[in-house]
Amino acid sequence: MPHLRTSNRRSCRYNRLRDLERGPLAAKSQNENGPQHVAIIMDGNGRWAQNRGRPRLFGHQAGAKRVRDIVKACPDLGIKYLTIFAFSTENWKRTQTEVAGLMTLFRRYIQSEAKALLKAGVRVRFIGDRDRLEANLVSLMNELEEMTAHNDAVHLTIAINYGGRDEVARATKRLAREVAAGRLDPEDVNDETLASFLDTCLLPDPDLVIRTSGEARISNFLLWQSAYAEYEFTPVLWPDFTPKVFGEIIDKYALRDRRYGGVKA
């Protein structure tokens, strides 16, 4: 991800600290016991296609269509923020054909969904390191972010060429530059300071992280942000992850007791 302008980075820090002052429970979803921010590791597209005797890209195309359904379901479920893991820093290890097909799919998704997202009040952000992405894809990403910048119904964040460790390393470099320039006192650096330099600095931390396809690992996704997130691992493959399945998981989340390290009196 290109370095943000200093003014934007300071804005990230201001908003992060302001939200901290309000307290961890200040911002509620429409369902008071439900999650405000849900993050999803969308896994199982390839297996879904192979189970049907089709190429893996067929599964990724079906997965992209499922994203549309899940985004539409968010308002009714009281979810304000949705973050999805589209392509990791490790996914470059896949075959050249699959990687090229995914990049084409990302471009087509942005082009085909832009107007619908704008009309539905969805604000789109992208996180991850954009330096390795093709210029035409980055241009489309920038345009969609600008186009939807004033929307507030749902905040959709798409992680492309994203890795949690890579994000923390990039954030640390930016923080170090601020210290070296004399704009930040090392003695003032704490966990909230570092968080203000992350790609997600303007987003609340996820309340719930869901991984589809039955795998029970987090795969380098939102490592810092998910410190107090609840996790749900479902065997459902991503193309089969319907709003109904989504709603059932949200209902289960509402029954969980979240204490943030404390003990109820």
Protein backbone atom coordinates (compact mmCIF):
# COMPACT_ATOMS: atom_id res chain seq x y z
CA MET A 1 0.00 0.00 0.00
CA PRO A 2 1.49 3.38 -0.92
CA HIS A 3 2.48 5.59 1.99
CA LEU A 4 -0.40 7.82 3.03
CA ARG A 5 0.18 11.55 3.07
CA THR A 6 1.24 12.84 6.47
CA SER A 7 -2.07 14.67 6.92
CA ASN A 8 -4.03 11.47 6.27
CA ARG A 9 -1.80 9.49 8.63
CA ARG A 10 -2.30 12.07 11.37
CA SER A 11 -6.05 11.87 10.71
CA CYS A 12 -5.81 8.12 11.24
CA ARG A 13 -4.10 8.68 14.57
CA TYR A 14 -6.63 11.31 15.67
CA ASN A 15 -9.64 9.15 14.86
CA ARG A 16 -8.11 6.10 16.50
CA LEU A 17 -7.41 7.96 19.73
CA ARG A 18 -10.85 9.59 19.67
CA ASP A 19 -12.53 6.17 19.41
CA LEU A 20 -10.36 4.88 22.24
CA GLU A 21 -11.55 7.71 24.49
CA ARG A 22 -15.14 6.71 23.81
CA GLY A 23 -14.41 3.20 25.09
CA PRO A 24 -14.48 -0.25 23.43
CA LEU A 25 -18.26 -0.50 23.51
CA ALA A 26 -19.06 3.02 22.33
CA ALA A 27 -20.00 2.07 18.80
CA LYS A 28 -22.84 -0.46 18.66
CA SER A 29 -24.31 -2.28 15.71
CA GLN A 30 -28.05 -2.14 15.12
CA ASN A 31 -28.22 -5.43 17.05
CA GLU A 32 -26.77 -4.47 20.44
CA ASN A 33 -25.43 -7.97 21.09
CA GLY A 34 -24.22 -8.52 17.55
CA PRO A 35 -20.87 -7.72 15.98
CA GLN A 36 -20.16 -4.30 14.54
CA HIS A 37 -17.23 -5.51 12.43
CA VAL A 38 -17.01 -8.94 10.83
CA ALA A 39 -13.92 -10.15 8.97
CA ILE A 40 -14.08 -13.17 6.68
CA ILE A 41 -11.38 -15.47 5.30
CA MET A 42 -13.16 -16.59 2.14
CA ASP A 43 -11.77 -20.09 1.67
CA GLY A 44 -12.83 -23.08 -0.40
CA ASN A 45 -13.43 -21.64 -3.87
CA GLY A 46 -10.98 -24.01 -5.53
CA ARG A 47 -12.31 -27.11 -3.78
CA TRP A 48 -15.87 -26.07 -4.56
CA ALA A 49 -15.00 -25.98 -8.28
CA GLN A 50 -12.99 -29.21 -8.23
CA ASN A 51 -15.90 -31.00 -6.52
CA ARG A 52 -17.88 -30.09 -9.64
CA GLY A 53 -15.18 -31.08 -12.09
CA ARG A 54 -14.48 -27.48 -13.00
CA PRO A 55 -11.28 -25.39 -12.98
CA ARG A 56 -10.38 -23.47 -9.84
CA LEU A 57 -11.14 -20.10 -11.46
CA PHE A 58 -14.74 -21.20 -11.85
CA GLY A 59 -14.89 -21.41 -8.07
CA HIS A 60 -13.35 -17.96 -7.66
CA GLN A 61 -16.00 -16.53 -10.00
CA ALA A 62 -18.73 -18.14 -7.89
CA GLY A 63 -17.04 -16.75 -4.79
CA ALA A 64 -17.09 -13.22 -6.19
CA LYS A 65 -20.84 -13.49 -6.74
CA ARG A 66 -21.25 -14.65 -3.14
CA VAL A 67 -19.51 -11.50 -1.91
CA ARG A 68 -22.36 -9.48 -3.43
CA ASP A 69 -24.95 -11.47 -1.44
CA ILE A 70 -23.06 -11.15 1.84
CA VAL A 71 -22.55 -7.40 1.47
CA LYS A 72 -26.28 -6.97 0.81
CA ALA A 73 -27.10 -8.97 3.94
CA CYS A 74 -25.00 -6.80 6.28
CA PRO A 75 -27.53 -4.02 7.02
CA ASP A 76 -30.26 -6.48 8.02
CA LEU A 77 -27.78 -8.26 10.29
CA GLY A 78 -26.70 -5.00 11.92
CA ILE A 79 -23.17 -5.23 10.54
CA LYS A 80 -21.55 -1.87 9.77
CA TYR A 81 -18.08 -3.09 8.80
CA LEU A 82 -17.19 -6.09 6.65
CA THR A 83 -13.60 -6.98 5.81
CA ILE A 84 -12.87 -9.79 3.35
CA PHE A 85 -9.59 -11.55 2.56
CA ALA A 86 -9.37 -11.66 -1.22
CA PHE A 87 -5.68 -12.28 -1.94
CA SER A 88 -2.81 -12.81 0.49
CA THR A 89 0.88 -12.02 0.17
CA GLU A 90 1.40 -15.80 0.07
CA ASN A 91 -1.07 -16.35 -2.79
CA TRP A 92 1.59 -15.33 -5.33
CA LYS A 93 2.91 -18.90 -4.87
CA ARG A 94 -0.08 -20.23 -6.82
CA THR A 95 0.19 -21.02 -10.52
CA GLN A 96 0.69 -18.10 -12.89
CA THR A 97 -2.60 -18.99 -14.57
CA GLU A 98 -4.58 -18.81 -11.32
CA VAL A 99 -2.92 -15.58 -10.18
CA ALA A 100 -3.54 -13.90 -13.55
CA GLY A 101 -7.13 -15.10 -13.49
CA LEU A 102 -7.67 -13.70 -10.01
CA MET A 103 -6.26 -10.31 -10.99
CA THR A 104 -8.60 -10.23 -13.98
CA LEU A 105 -11.48 -11.19 -11.69
CA PHE A 106 -10.64 -8.34 -9.29
CA ARG A 107 -10.70 -5.84 -12.16
CA ARG A 108 -14.00 -7.17 -13.47
CA TYR A 109 -15.54 -7.17 -9.99
CA ILE A 110 -14.70 -3.51 -9.47
CA GLN A 111 -15.98 -2.53 -12.90
CA SER A 112 -19.21 -4.53 -12.64
CA GLU A 113 -20.08 -3.77 -9.02
CA ALA A 114 -19.03 -0.11 -8.68
CA LYS A 115 -22.41 1.45 -9.50
CA ALA A 116 -24.34 -1.03 -7.36
CA LEU A 117 -22.04 -0.47 -4.38
CA LEU A 118 -22.36 3.29 -4.74
CA LYS A 119 -26.16 3.11 -4.95
CA ALA A 120 -26.36 0.79 -1.91
CA GLY A 121 -24.37 3.22 0.23
CA VAL A 122 -21.36 0.93 0.54
CA ARG A 123 -18.01 2.55 1.22
CA VAL A 124 -15.14 0.51 -0.22
CA ARG A 125 -11.57 0.49 1.04
CA PHE A 126 -8.63 -1.68 0.02
CA ILE A 127 -5.86 -2.76 2.35
CA GLY A 128 -2.56 -4.45 1.55
CA ASP A 129 0.63 -3.58 -0.30
CA ARG A 130 -0.33 -2.15 -3.70
CA ASP A 131 3.23 -1.90 -5.01
CA ARG A 132 3.19 -5.38 -6.57
CA LEU A 133 -0.23 -4.99 -8.19
CA GLU A 134 -0.66 -3.94 -11.81
CA ALA A 135 -1.14 -0.22 -12.34
CA ASN A 136 -4.53 -0.61 -14.05
CA LEU A 137 -5.89 -2.59 -11.09
CA VAL A 138 -4.55 -0.04 -8.59
CA SER A 139 -6.15 2.74 -10.62
CA LEU A 140 -9.54 1.00 -10.46
CA MET A 141 -9.12 0.47 -6.72
CA ASN A 142 -8.33 4.14 -6.18
CA GLU A 143 -11.32 5.21 -8.29
CA LEU A 144 -13.73 2.98 -6.37
CA GLU A 145 -12.44 4.28 -3.04
CA GLU A 146 -12.91 7.87 -4.17
CA MET A 147 -16.32 7.18 -5.71
CA THR A 148 -17.72 5.65 -2.52
CA ALA A 149 -15.86 7.84 -0.01
CA HIS A 150 -19.03 9.52 1.27
CA ASN A 151 -21.05 6.32 1.74
CA ASP A 152 -21.77 5.06 5.24
CA ALA A 153 -24.35 2.25 5.11
CA VAL A 154 -21.73 -0.51 5.06
CA HIS A 155 -17.96 -0.19 5.12
CA LEU A 156 -16.52 -2.92 2.89
CA THR A 157 -12.78 -3.44 3.18
CA ILE A 158 -11.09 -5.74 0.66
CA ALA A 159 -7.65 -7.15 1.48
CA ILE A 160 -5.58 -7.64 -1.69
CA ASN A 161 -1.89 -8.59 -1.53
CA TYR A 162 -2.35 -8.40 2.22
CA GLY A 163 -0.51 -10.18 5.01
CA GLY A 164 -0.73 -9.39 8.71
CA ARG A 165 3.02 -9.60 9.30
CA ASP A 166 3.73 -7.53 6.21
CA GLU A 167 1.24 -4.90 7.40
CA VAL A 168 2.89 -4.63 10.82
CA ALA A 169 6.34 -4.38 9.19
CA ARG A 170 5.16 -1.58 6.87
CA ALA A 171 3.49 0.22 9.77
CA THR A 172 6.67 -0.02 11.84
CA LYS A 173 8.69 1.52 9.02
CA ARG A 174 6.28 4.45 8.80
CA LEU A 175 6.38 4.90 12.56
CA ALA A 176 10.19 4.83 12.51
CA ARG A 177 10.24 7.55 9.86
CA GLU A 178 8.07 9.76 12.08
CA VAL A 179 10.46 9.23 14.99
CA ALA A 180 13.50 9.90 12.80
CA ALA A 181 11.92 13.13 11.53
CA GLY A 182 11.31 14.30 15.08
CA ARG A 183 7.53 14.31 14.72
CA LEU A 184 7.03 11.50 17.24
CA ASP A 185 8.69 10.98 20.61
CA PRO A 186 9.75 7.32 21.09
CA GLU A 187 8.57 7.54 24.69
CA ASP A 188 5.03 8.22 23.44
CA VAL A 189 4.89 5.05 21.34
CA ASN A 190 2.43 2.42 22.58
CA ASP A 191 0.07 -0.13 21.08
CA GLU A 192 -2.42 2.52 20.01
CA THR A 193 0.33 4.50 18.30
CA LEU A 194 1.32 1.52 16.18
CA ALA A 195 -2.34 0.78 15.41
CA SER A 196 -2.67 4.28 13.96
CA PHE A 197 -0.08 3.37 11.31
CA LEU A 198 -1.78 0.15 10.20
CA ASP A 199 -3.75 -0.13 6.94
CA THR A 200 -6.92 -0.41 9.04
CA CYS A 201 -6.27 2.72 11.11
CA LEU A 202 -9.71 4.20 10.36
CA LEU A 203 -11.60 0.99 11.14
CA PRO A 204 -12.68 -0.52 14.44
CA ASP A 205 -11.07 -3.85 15.30
CA PRO A 206 -13.06 -6.89 14.16
CA ASP A 207 -15.45 -8.38 16.68
CA LEU A 208 -15.81 -11.64 14.79
CA VAL A 209 -13.54 -13.44 12.32
CA ILE A 210 -15.08 -16.18 10.20
CA ARG A 211 -13.17 -18.73 8.13
CA THR A 212 -15.03 -20.91 5.67
CA SER A 213 -14.13 -24.36 4.26
CA GLY A 214 -13.30 -26.14 7.53
CA GLU A 215 -9.71 -24.98 7.92
CA ALA A 216 -8.96 -23.88 11.50
CA ARG A 217 -6.18 -21.33 11.06
CA ILE A 218 -6.02 -17.56 10.60
CA SER A 219 -3.48 -17.51 7.73
CA ASN A 220 -1.79 -14.20 8.56
CA PHE A 221 -5.05 -12.21 8.50
CA LEU A 222 -5.52 -9.13 10.71
CA LEU A 223 -3.06 -10.43 13.28
CA TRP A 224 -2.85 -7.23 15.32
CA GLN A 225 -6.48 -6.21 14.98
CA SER A 226 -7.95 -9.59 15.99
CA ALA A 227 -6.38 -9.72 19.46
CA TYR A 228 -9.85 -9.83 21.10
CA ALA A 229 -11.94 -11.08 18.19
CA GLU A 230 -14.20 -14.09 18.43
CA TYR A 231 -13.55 -16.82 15.83
CA GLU A 232 -15.91 -19.07 13.93
CA PHE A 233 -14.63 -21.87 11.69
CA THR A 234 -17.33 -23.31 9.46
CA PRO A 235 -17.05 -26.29 7.09
CA VAL A 236 -19.15 -24.46 4.48
CA LEU A 237 -17.16 -23.64 1.35
CA TRP A 238 -17.24 -19.95 0.47
CA PRO A 239 -19.47 -20.19 -2.66
CA ASP A 240 -22.04 -22.00 -0.48
CA PHE A 241 -21.85 -19.41 2.33
CA THR A 242 -25.33 -17.96 2.01
CA PRO A 243 -26.83 -15.04 3.96
CA LYS A 244 -28.77 -17.68 5.92
CA VAL A 245 -25.55 -19.36 7.06
CA PHE A 246 -24.10 -15.92 7.81
CA GLY A 247 -27.12 -15.00 9.92
CA GLU A 248 -26.88 -18.23 11.93
CA ILE A 249 -23.26 -17.44 12.82
CA ILE A 250 -24.21 -13.90 13.84
CA ASP A 251 -26.94 -15.29 16.08
CA LYS A 252 -24.41 -17.62 17.74
CA TYR A 253 -22.04 -14.71 18.29
CA ALA A 254 -24.74 -12.81 20.19
CA LEU A 255 -24.74 -15.59 22.81
CA ARG A 256 -21.01 -15.29 23.53
CA ASP A 257 -19.77 -13.61 26.68
CA ARG A 258 -17.09 -11.04 25.78
CA ARG A 259 -15.16 -9.71 28.80
CA TYR A 260 -12.01 -8.23 27.17
CA GLY A 261 -9.84 -9.80 29.86
CA GLY A 262 -12.08 -8.66 32.72
CA VAL A 263 -14.48 -10.47 35.02
CA LYS A 264 -18.15 -9.64 35.41
CA ALA A 265 -19.21 -8.62 38.90
